[in-house]
Amino acid sequence: AELKAALAARHDAARGKSLYGTCAACHGADGGGVADGSIPAIAGQPQRVLVKQLADFRRSERLDVRMEHFADRRHLEGAQDIADVAAYAASLTRTTPTGIGDGRGLAAGGRLWIGRCAACHGATGQPDAARALPRLAGQHAAYLERQLLDAAAGRRPNMAGAHRTVLRSLTPEDAAGVADYLSRMK
């Protein structure tokens, strides 16, 4: 119910800016995250994607101790807070990627992306707000790699089963290559 309410709320990015201070402690004032992949870039993600992720953390559909804490009702009281802070983060401009991979599996990763993922996520990993698909292009490689491996292992309950089916066959080297490929996209 909270997810639906947050998606339906008339969001206020200016109010969201005042709520974003807690987020900035980890994601940075610019929403750029951390190049080592420990914290994802959230700047420029569609508001709908950010709302869904926050709601998923609140209902344990997405697992991360830090985010479960900061997405709780003490930090974000309800659906309106979620809508507003997500709108502000969505309004931030994504900067040039800094957390790229080592390049060893780049070519193979690109082929895997095009062959297995581009049909749904697009060739360049751009977001699709209507389908709540995140911006993968320009995300930190280490973060993407961890998310691919977590999804394959079933540690991302909020991802559709189709993802697990596709991702289970990836080796760790494959995941690193796909992540590196996406991290270099503008």
C-alpha atoms as a PDB file:
ATOM      1  CA  ALA A   1       0.000   0.000   0.000  1.00  0.00           C
ATOM      2  CA  GLU A   2       2.840   2.404   0.829  1.00  0.00           C
ATOM      3  CA  LEU A   3       4.484   1.800  -2.556  1.00  0.00           C
ATOM      4  CA  LYS A   4       1.260   2.645  -4.382  1.00  0.00           C
ATOM      5  CA  ALA A   5       0.740   5.713  -2.224  1.00  0.00           C
ATOM      6  CA  ALA A   6       4.296   6.945  -2.842  1.00  0.00           C
ATOM      7  CA  LEU A   7       3.980   6.401  -6.582  1.00  0.00           C
ATOM      8  CA  ALA A   8       0.646   8.241  -6.634  1.00  0.00           C
ATOM      9  CA  ALA A   9       1.802  11.121  -4.428  1.00  0.00           C
ATOM     10  CA  ARG A  10       2.374  14.551  -5.912  1.00  0.00           C
ATOM     11  CA  HIS A  11       6.104  14.689  -5.241  1.00  0.00           C
ATOM     12  CA  ASP A  12       7.942  17.786  -4.109  1.00  0.00           C
ATOM     13  CA  ALA A  13      11.646  17.692  -5.006  1.00  0.00           C
ATOM     14  CA  ALA A  14      12.322  20.891  -3.030  1.00  0.00           C
ATOM     15  CA  ARG A  15      11.000  19.226   0.125  1.00  0.00           C
ATOM     16  CA  GLY A  16      12.931  16.090  -0.859  1.00  0.00           C
ATOM     17  CA  LYS A  17      16.144  18.116  -0.824  1.00  0.00           C
ATOM     18  CA  SER A  18      15.662  18.735   2.902  1.00  0.00           C
ATOM     19  CA  LEU A  19      15.170  14.991   3.475  1.00  0.00           C
ATOM     20  CA  TYR A  20      18.155  14.044   1.312  1.00  0.00           C
ATOM     21  CA  GLY A  21      20.759  14.996   3.953  1.00  0.00           C
ATOM     22  CA  THR A  22      20.586  11.520   5.439  1.00  0.00           C
ATOM     23  CA  CYS A  23      21.055   9.994   1.975  1.00  0.00           C
ATOM     24  CA  ALA A  24      23.958  12.325   1.192  1.00  0.00           C
ATOM     25  CA  ALA A  25      25.945  10.894   4.097  1.00  0.00           C
ATOM     26  CA  CYS A  26      26.540   7.769   2.001  1.00  0.00           C
ATOM     27  CA  HIS A  27      25.439   8.526  -1.579  1.00  0.00           C
ATOM     28  CA  GLY A  28      27.106  11.955  -1.592  1.00  0.00           C
ATOM     29  CA  ALA A  29      25.575  15.390  -2.034  1.00  0.00           C
ATOM     30  CA  ASP A  30      25.659  14.811  -5.784  1.00  0.00           C
ATOM     31  CA  GLY A  31      24.133  11.312  -5.565  1.00  0.00           C
ATOM     32  CA  GLY A  32      27.247   9.850  -7.165  1.00  0.00           C
ATOM     33  CA  GLY A  33      27.853   7.062  -4.659  1.00  0.00           C
ATOM     34  CA  VAL A  34      31.329   5.654  -4.119  1.00  0.00           C
ATOM     35  CA  ALA A  35      33.626   4.528  -6.940  1.00  0.00           C
ATOM     36  CA  ASP A  36      34.555   1.314  -5.089  1.00  0.00           C
ATOM     37  CA  GLY A  37      30.959   0.155  -5.560  1.00  0.00           C
ATOM     38  CA  SER A  38      30.054   0.020  -1.897  1.00  0.00           C
ATOM     39  CA  ILE A  39      27.427   2.732  -2.430  1.00  0.00           C
ATOM     40  CA  PRO A  40      25.595   3.070  -5.774  1.00  0.00           C
ATOM     41  CA  ALA A  41      25.114   6.230  -7.779  1.00  0.00           C
ATOM     42  CA  ILE A  42      21.462   7.245  -7.454  1.00  0.00           C
ATOM     43  CA  ALA A  43      21.597  10.605  -9.240  1.00  0.00           C
ATOM     44  CA  GLY A  44      19.386  10.627 -12.288  1.00  0.00           C
ATOM     45  CA  GLN A  45      17.624   7.359 -11.550  1.00  0.00           C
ATOM     46  CA  PRO A  46      13.931   7.646 -12.417  1.00  0.00           C
ATOM     47  CA  GLN A  47      11.869   8.739  -9.430  1.00  0.00           C
ATOM     48  CA  ARG A  48       9.670   5.661  -9.844  1.00  0.00           C
ATOM     49  CA  VAL A  49      12.706   3.363  -9.582  1.00  0.00           C
ATOM     50  CA  LEU A  50      13.944   5.096  -6.444  1.00  0.00           C
ATOM     51  CA  VAL A  51      10.496   4.967  -4.838  1.00  0.00           C
ATOM     52  CA  LYS A  52      10.263   1.237  -5.508  1.00  0.00           C
ATOM     53  CA  GLN A  53      13.721   0.551  -4.112  1.00  0.00           C
ATOM     54  CA  LEU A  54      13.046   2.534  -0.927  1.00  0.00           C
ATOM     55  CA  ALA A  55       9.733   0.749  -0.448  1.00  0.00           C
ATOM     56  CA  ASP A  56      11.425  -2.605  -1.073  1.00  0.00           C
ATOM     57  CA  PHE A  57      14.037  -1.885   1.601  1.00  0.00           C
ATOM     58  CA  ARG A  58      11.252  -0.973   4.038  1.00  0.00           C
ATOM     59  CA  ARG A  59       9.429  -4.253   3.490  1.00  0.00           C
ATOM     60  CA  SER A  60      12.560  -6.460   3.318  1.00  0.00           C
ATOM     61  CA  GLU A  61      12.172  -7.168  -0.395  1.00  0.00           C
ATOM     62  CA  ARG A  62      15.629  -5.739  -0.869  1.00  0.00           C
ATOM     63  CA  LEU A  63      18.367  -6.505   1.626  1.00  0.00           C
ATOM     64  CA  ASP A  64      21.053  -4.130   2.887  1.00  0.00           C
ATOM     65  CA  VAL A  65      21.423  -3.394   6.589  1.00  0.00           C
ATOM     66  CA  ARG A  66      22.404   0.238   6.016  1.00  0.00           C
ATOM     67  CA  MET A  67      19.519   0.965   3.678  1.00  0.00           C
ATOM     68  CA  GLU A  68      16.996  -0.884   5.805  1.00  0.00           C
ATOM     69  CA  HIS A  69      18.014   1.447   8.625  1.00  0.00           C
ATOM     70  CA  PHE A  70      17.974   4.682   6.628  1.00  0.00           C
ATOM     71  CA  ALA A  71      14.761   3.846   4.778  1.00  0.00           C
ATOM     72  CA  ASP A  72      12.939   3.219   8.062  1.00  0.00           C
ATOM     73  CA  ARG A  73      10.083   5.340   9.410  1.00  0.00           C
ATOM     74  CA  ARG A  74      12.400   7.301  11.676  1.00  0.00           C
ATOM     75  CA  HIS A  75      14.166   8.751   8.624  1.00  0.00           C
ATOM     76  CA  LEU A  76      11.322   8.653   6.096  1.00  0.00           C
ATOM     77  CA  GLU A  77       7.993   8.812   7.901  1.00  0.00           C
ATOM     78  CA  GLY A  78       5.685   7.750   5.115  1.00  0.00           C
ATOM     79  CA  ALA A  79       4.834   7.603   1.440  1.00  0.00           C
ATOM     80  CA  GLN A  80       5.105  11.367   0.921  1.00  0.00           C
ATOM     81  CA  ASP A  81       8.666  11.443   2.295  1.00  0.00           C
ATOM     82  CA  ILE A  82       9.634   8.565   0.005  1.00  0.00           C
ATOM     83  CA  ALA A  83       8.112  10.306  -3.018  1.00  0.00           C
ATOM     84  CA  ASP A  84       9.796  13.610  -2.216  1.00  0.00           C
ATOM     85  CA  VAL A  85      13.312  12.334  -1.497  1.00  0.00           C
ATOM     86  CA  ALA A  86      13.152  10.107  -4.588  1.00  0.00           C
ATOM     87  CA  ALA A  87      12.105  13.083  -6.714  1.00  0.00           C
ATOM     88  CA  TYR A  88      15.068  15.086  -5.452  1.00  0.00           C
ATOM     89  CA  ALA A  89      17.575  12.279  -6.094  1.00  0.00           C
ATOM     90  CA  ALA A  90      16.082  11.777  -9.553  1.00  0.00           C
ATOM     91  CA  SER A  91      16.657  15.476 -10.297  1.00  0.00           C
ATOM     92  CA  LEU A  92      20.404  15.224  -9.621  1.00  0.00           C
ATOM     93  CA  THR A  93      22.661  15.011 -12.668  1.00  0.00           C
ATOM     94  CA  ARG A  94      24.621  11.796 -13.134  1.00  0.00           C
ATOM     95  CA  THR A  95      28.310  12.569 -13.493  1.00  0.00           C
ATOM     96  CA  THR A  96      30.915  10.814 -15.606  1.00  0.00           C
ATOM     97  CA  PRO A  97      31.470   7.259 -14.379  1.00  0.00           C
ATOM     98  CA  THR A  98      34.451   6.823 -12.077  1.00  0.00           C
ATOM     99  CA  GLY A  99      34.023   3.275 -10.800  1.00  0.00           C
ATOM    100  CA  ILE A 100      34.876   1.384 -13.971  1.00  0.00           C
ATOM    101  CA  GLY A 101      36.235  -2.144 -14.108  1.00  0.00           C
ATOM    102  CA  ASP A 102      39.684  -3.349 -15.033  1.00  0.00           C
ATOM    103  CA  GLY A 103      38.871  -3.897 -18.719  1.00  0.00           C
ATOM    104  CA  ARG A 104      39.844  -7.593 -18.838  1.00  0.00           C
ATOM    105  CA  GLY A 105      36.342  -8.884 -19.582  1.00  0.00           C
ATOM    106  CA  LEU A 106      35.013  -5.795 -21.322  1.00  0.00           C
ATOM    107  CA  ALA A 107      34.512  -7.262 -24.818  1.00  0.00           C
ATOM    108  CA  ALA A 108      32.924 -10.465 -23.512  1.00  0.00           C
ATOM    109  CA  GLY A 109      30.792  -8.447 -21.101  1.00  0.00           C
ATOM    110  CA  GLY A 110      29.512  -6.297 -23.948  1.00  0.00           C
ATOM    111  CA  ARG A 111      28.563  -9.369 -25.971  1.00  0.00           C
ATOM    112  CA  LEU A 112      26.777 -10.891 -22.979  1.00  0.00           C
ATOM    113  CA  TRP A 113      24.919  -7.652 -22.313  1.00  0.00           C
ATOM    114  CA  ILE A 114      23.736  -7.334 -25.898  1.00  0.00           C
ATOM    115  CA  GLY A 115      22.847 -11.024 -26.150  1.00  0.00           C
ATOM    116  CA  ARG A 116      21.083 -11.505 -22.823  1.00  0.00           C
ATOM    117  CA  CYS A 117      20.059  -8.177 -21.354  1.00  0.00           C
ATOM    118  CA  ALA A 118      19.605  -5.531 -24.034  1.00  0.00           C
ATOM    119  CA  ALA A 119      16.224  -6.836 -25.159  1.00  0.00           C
ATOM    120  CA  CYS A 120      14.711  -5.580 -21.891  1.00  0.00           C
ATOM    121  CA  HIS A 121      17.214  -2.994 -20.655  1.00  0.00           C
ATOM    122  CA  GLY A 122      18.208  -1.513 -24.005  1.00  0.00           C
ATOM    123  CA  ALA A 123      21.589  -1.583 -25.687  1.00  0.00           C
ATOM    124  CA  THR A 124      22.924   1.304 -23.600  1.00  0.00           C
ATOM    125  CA  GLY A 125      21.416   0.494 -20.181  1.00  0.00           C
ATOM    126  CA  GLN A 126      19.334   3.655 -20.006  1.00  0.00           C
ATOM    127  CA  PRO A 127      16.387   3.828 -17.600  1.00  0.00           C
ATOM    128  CA  ASP A 128      12.753   3.195 -18.422  1.00  0.00           C
ATOM    129  CA  ALA A 129      10.631   4.971 -15.834  1.00  0.00           C
ATOM    130  CA  ALA A 130       7.362   3.519 -17.141  1.00  0.00           C
ATOM    131  CA  ARG A 131       8.630  -0.028 -16.564  1.00  0.00           C
ATOM    132  CA  ALA A 132      10.587   0.957 -13.420  1.00  0.00           C
ATOM    133  CA  LEU A 133      13.867  -0.122 -14.993  1.00  0.00           C
ATOM    134  CA  PRO A 134      16.912   1.566 -13.448  1.00  0.00           C
ATOM    135  CA  ARG A 135      19.707   3.412 -15.175  1.00  0.00           C
ATOM    136  CA  LEU A 136      22.515   0.866 -15.332  1.00  0.00           C
ATOM    137  CA  ALA A 137      24.751   2.909 -17.624  1.00  0.00           C
ATOM    138  CA  GLY A 138      27.442   4.722 -15.694  1.00  0.00           C
ATOM    139  CA  GLN A 139      26.855   2.818 -12.461  1.00  0.00           C
ATOM    140  CA  HIS A 140      29.923   1.729 -10.505  1.00  0.00           C
ATOM    141  CA  ALA A 141      31.253  -1.573 -11.859  1.00  0.00           C
ATOM    142  CA  ALA A 142      31.826  -3.154  -8.444  1.00  0.00           C
ATOM    143  CA  TYR A 143      28.272  -2.309  -7.395  1.00  0.00           C
ATOM    144  CA  LEU A 144      26.792  -3.756 -10.594  1.00  0.00           C
ATOM    145  CA  GLU A 145      28.907  -6.881 -10.308  1.00  0.00           C
ATOM    146  CA  ARG A 146      27.722  -7.478  -6.743  1.00  0.00           C
ATOM    147  CA  GLN A 147      24.086  -6.933  -7.732  1.00  0.00           C
ATOM    148  CA  LEU A 148      24.361  -9.368 -10.646  1.00  0.00           C
ATOM    149  CA  LEU A 149      25.865 -12.050  -8.420  1.00  0.00           C
ATOM    150  CA  ASP A 150      23.369 -11.372  -5.620  1.00  0.00           C
ATOM    151  CA  ALA A 151      20.448 -11.609  -8.035  1.00  0.00           C
ATOM    152  CA  ALA A 152      21.768 -14.869  -9.484  1.00  0.00           C
ATOM    153  CA  ALA A 153      22.073 -16.304  -5.974  1.00  0.00           C
ATOM    154  CA  GLY A 154      18.552 -15.206  -4.991  1.00  0.00           C
ATOM    155  CA  ARG A 155      19.752 -12.465  -2.613  1.00  0.00           C
ATOM    156  CA  ARG A 156      17.706  -9.829  -4.439  1.00  0.00           C
ATOM    157  CA  PRO A 157      14.134 -10.918  -3.677  1.00  0.00           C
ATOM    158  CA  ASN A 158      12.717  -7.850  -5.417  1.00  0.00           C
ATOM    159  CA  MET A 159      14.075  -8.948  -8.802  1.00  0.00           C
ATOM    160  CA  ALA A 160      11.872 -10.992 -11.053  1.00  0.00           C
ATOM    161  CA  GLY A 161      12.556 -14.703 -11.388  1.00  0.00           C
ATOM    162  CA  ALA A 162      13.438 -14.127 -15.033  1.00  0.00           C
ATOM    163  CA  HIS A 163      16.549 -12.276 -13.873  1.00  0.00           C
ATOM    164  CA  ARG A 164      17.699 -15.227 -11.817  1.00  0.00           C
ATOM    165  CA  THR A 165      17.198 -17.545 -14.775  1.00  0.00           C
ATOM    166  CA  VAL A 166      19.348 -15.373 -17.035  1.00  0.00           C
ATOM    167  CA  LEU A 167      21.938 -14.513 -14.417  1.00  0.00           C
ATOM    168  CA  ARG A 168      22.504 -17.977 -12.939  1.00  0.00           C
ATOM    169  CA  SER A 169      24.560 -18.995 -15.932  1.00  0.00           C
ATOM    170  CA  LEU A 170      26.977 -16.074 -15.530  1.00  0.00           C
ATOM    171  CA  THR A 171      30.371 -16.885 -14.118  1.00  0.00           C
ATOM    172  CA  PRO A 172      31.944 -14.336 -11.767  1.00  0.00           C
ATOM    173  CA  GLU A 173      34.167 -13.292 -14.691  1.00  0.00           C
ATOM    174  CA  ASP A 174      31.071 -12.809 -16.881  1.00  0.00           C
ATOM    175  CA  ALA A 175      29.428 -10.658 -14.217  1.00  0.00           C
ATOM    176  CA  ALA A 176      32.582  -8.553 -13.901  1.00  0.00           C
ATOM    177  CA  GLY A 177      32.692  -8.062 -17.673  1.00  0.00           C
ATOM    178  CA  VAL A 178      29.032  -7.036 -17.945  1.00  0.00           C
ATOM    179  CA  ALA A 179      29.455  -4.668 -14.997  1.00  0.00           C
ATOM    180  CA  ASP A 180      32.573  -3.125 -16.532  1.00  0.00           C
ATOM    181  CA  TYR A 181      30.790  -2.691 -19.866  1.00  0.00           C
ATOM    182  CA  LEU A 182      27.850  -0.890 -18.254  1.00  0.00           C
ATOM    183  CA  SER A 183      30.050   1.225 -15.985  1.00  0.00           C
ATOM    184  CA  ARG A 184      31.685   2.818 -19.029  1.00  0.00           C
ATOM    185  CA  MET A 185      28.399   3.872 -20.641  1.00  0.00           C
ATOM    186  CA  LYS A 186      27.577   7.556 -20.494  1.00  0.00           C
END
